[in-house]
Protein backbone atom coordinates (compact mmCIF):
# COMPACT_ATOMS: atom_id res chain seq x y z
CA MET A 1 -2.20 -7.52 -52.67
CA THR A 2 0.14 -4.41 -53.16
CA TRP A 3 2.12 -3.32 -56.09
CA SER A 4 5.79 -3.86 -56.52
CA TRP A 5 8.59 -4.36 -58.67
CA GLU A 6 11.36 -6.90 -58.92
CA TYR A 7 14.16 -7.97 -60.84
CA VAL A 8 14.13 -11.61 -62.47
CA PRO A 9 16.19 -13.92 -62.09
CA SER A 10 17.75 -12.11 -59.51
CA LYS A 11 19.15 -8.25 -58.93
CA GLN A 12 22.81 -9.92 -59.61
CA HIS A 13 21.91 -11.53 -63.08
CA VAL A 14 19.71 -8.82 -64.14
CA THR A 15 22.22 -5.92 -63.22
CA ALA A 16 25.85 -7.06 -63.38
CA GLY A 17 28.27 -4.68 -63.88
CA ALA A 18 25.88 -1.25 -64.28
CA PRO A 19 27.21 1.51 -63.00
CA ALA A 20 25.42 2.52 -59.23
CA ASP A 21 24.21 5.69 -60.75
CA PHE A 22 22.41 4.04 -63.30
CA LEU A 23 20.61 1.17 -61.40
CA ALA A 24 19.27 4.33 -59.04
CA ALA A 25 17.77 5.51 -62.77
CA VAL A 26 16.12 2.07 -63.26
CA GLU A 27 14.74 1.27 -59.80
CA GLN A 28 13.47 5.17 -59.59
CA ARG A 29 11.71 4.25 -63.37
CA ALA A 30 10.50 0.75 -61.87
CA GLY A 31 8.85 2.39 -59.21
CA GLU A 32 6.86 4.83 -61.67
CA LEU A 33 6.16 1.74 -63.74
CA VAL A 34 4.70 0.27 -60.40
CA ARG A 35 2.36 3.42 -59.65
CA ALA A 36 0.92 3.55 -63.43
CA ALA A 37 0.40 0.04 -63.25
CA GLU A 38 -1.74 0.39 -59.80
CA ALA A 39 -3.47 2.89 -62.02
CA LEU A 40 -4.13 0.50 -64.85
CA TYR A 41 -4.94 -2.41 -63.32
CA LEU A 42 -7.42 -1.52 -60.20
CA ASP A 43 -7.84 -5.01 -59.20
CA GLY A 44 -5.33 -7.17 -60.84
CA ALA A 45 -6.07 -10.23 -59.12
CA THR A 46 -9.15 -10.42 -60.81
CA TYR A 47 -7.18 -9.74 -64.39
CA GLN A 48 -8.41 -11.89 -66.73
CA GLY A 49 -6.16 -11.10 -70.34
CA SER A 50 -3.56 -12.89 -71.22
CA GLY A 51 -0.96 -9.97 -69.58
CA GLU A 52 1.00 -7.39 -71.36
CA PRO A 53 3.82 -8.19 -73.84
CA MET A 54 7.71 -7.14 -72.38
CA ARG A 55 8.39 -3.58 -73.04
CA TYR A 56 11.80 -1.49 -73.36
CA LEU A 57 11.98 1.69 -71.82
CA ASP A 58 15.29 4.23 -72.46
CA VAL A 59 16.77 5.42 -69.09
CA ALA A 60 19.83 7.59 -68.51
CA GLY A 61 21.24 7.20 -71.66
CA GLY A 62 20.90 2.77 -71.02
CA MET A 63 17.28 0.93 -71.56
CA LEU A 64 15.59 -1.37 -69.12
CA ALA A 65 13.21 -4.10 -70.36
CA TYR A 66 10.07 -5.43 -68.36
CA TYR A 67 6.67 -6.61 -67.81
CA VAL A 68 3.52 -6.30 -66.28
CA VAL A 69 2.04 -9.17 -64.18
CA PRO A 70 -1.49 -7.85 -63.34
CA ARG A 71 -2.82 -11.18 -61.61
CA LEU A 72 0.61 -11.06 -59.29
CA ASP A 73 0.56 -6.98 -58.73
CA LEU A 74 4.04 -7.31 -60.15
CA VAL A 75 6.79 -5.38 -61.93
CA ILE A 76 9.22 -7.29 -63.41
CA VAL A 77 12.88 -6.13 -64.25
CA CYS A 78 14.27 -8.63 -66.77
CA GLN A 79 17.05 -7.07 -68.65
CA VAL A 80 18.80 -3.62 -68.07
CA THR A 81 21.43 -2.07 -70.57
CA PRO A 82 24.01 0.10 -69.14
CA PRO A 83 24.98 3.19 -71.31
CA PRO A 84 28.00 2.71 -73.54
CA THR A 85 31.49 3.86 -71.48
CA SER A 86 33.74 6.45 -73.34
């Protein structure tokens, strides 16, 4: 299996109203999270732990919430909070 990331429950639900440049930064960071998870969980399908808790990451003045599911080789982005507008 190949590691990937996705918005859950859907891209429309998670990203509604966020500016395109912020979402580009979120998706770049999600790709970085996938590469890190690949290195940490070399054989995610055989992972026996309870999994990681949800984590938060600063992105371009905003924030994203994500968690890693090693058995599915998946990084889930479940919330984005764009930077405040002036």
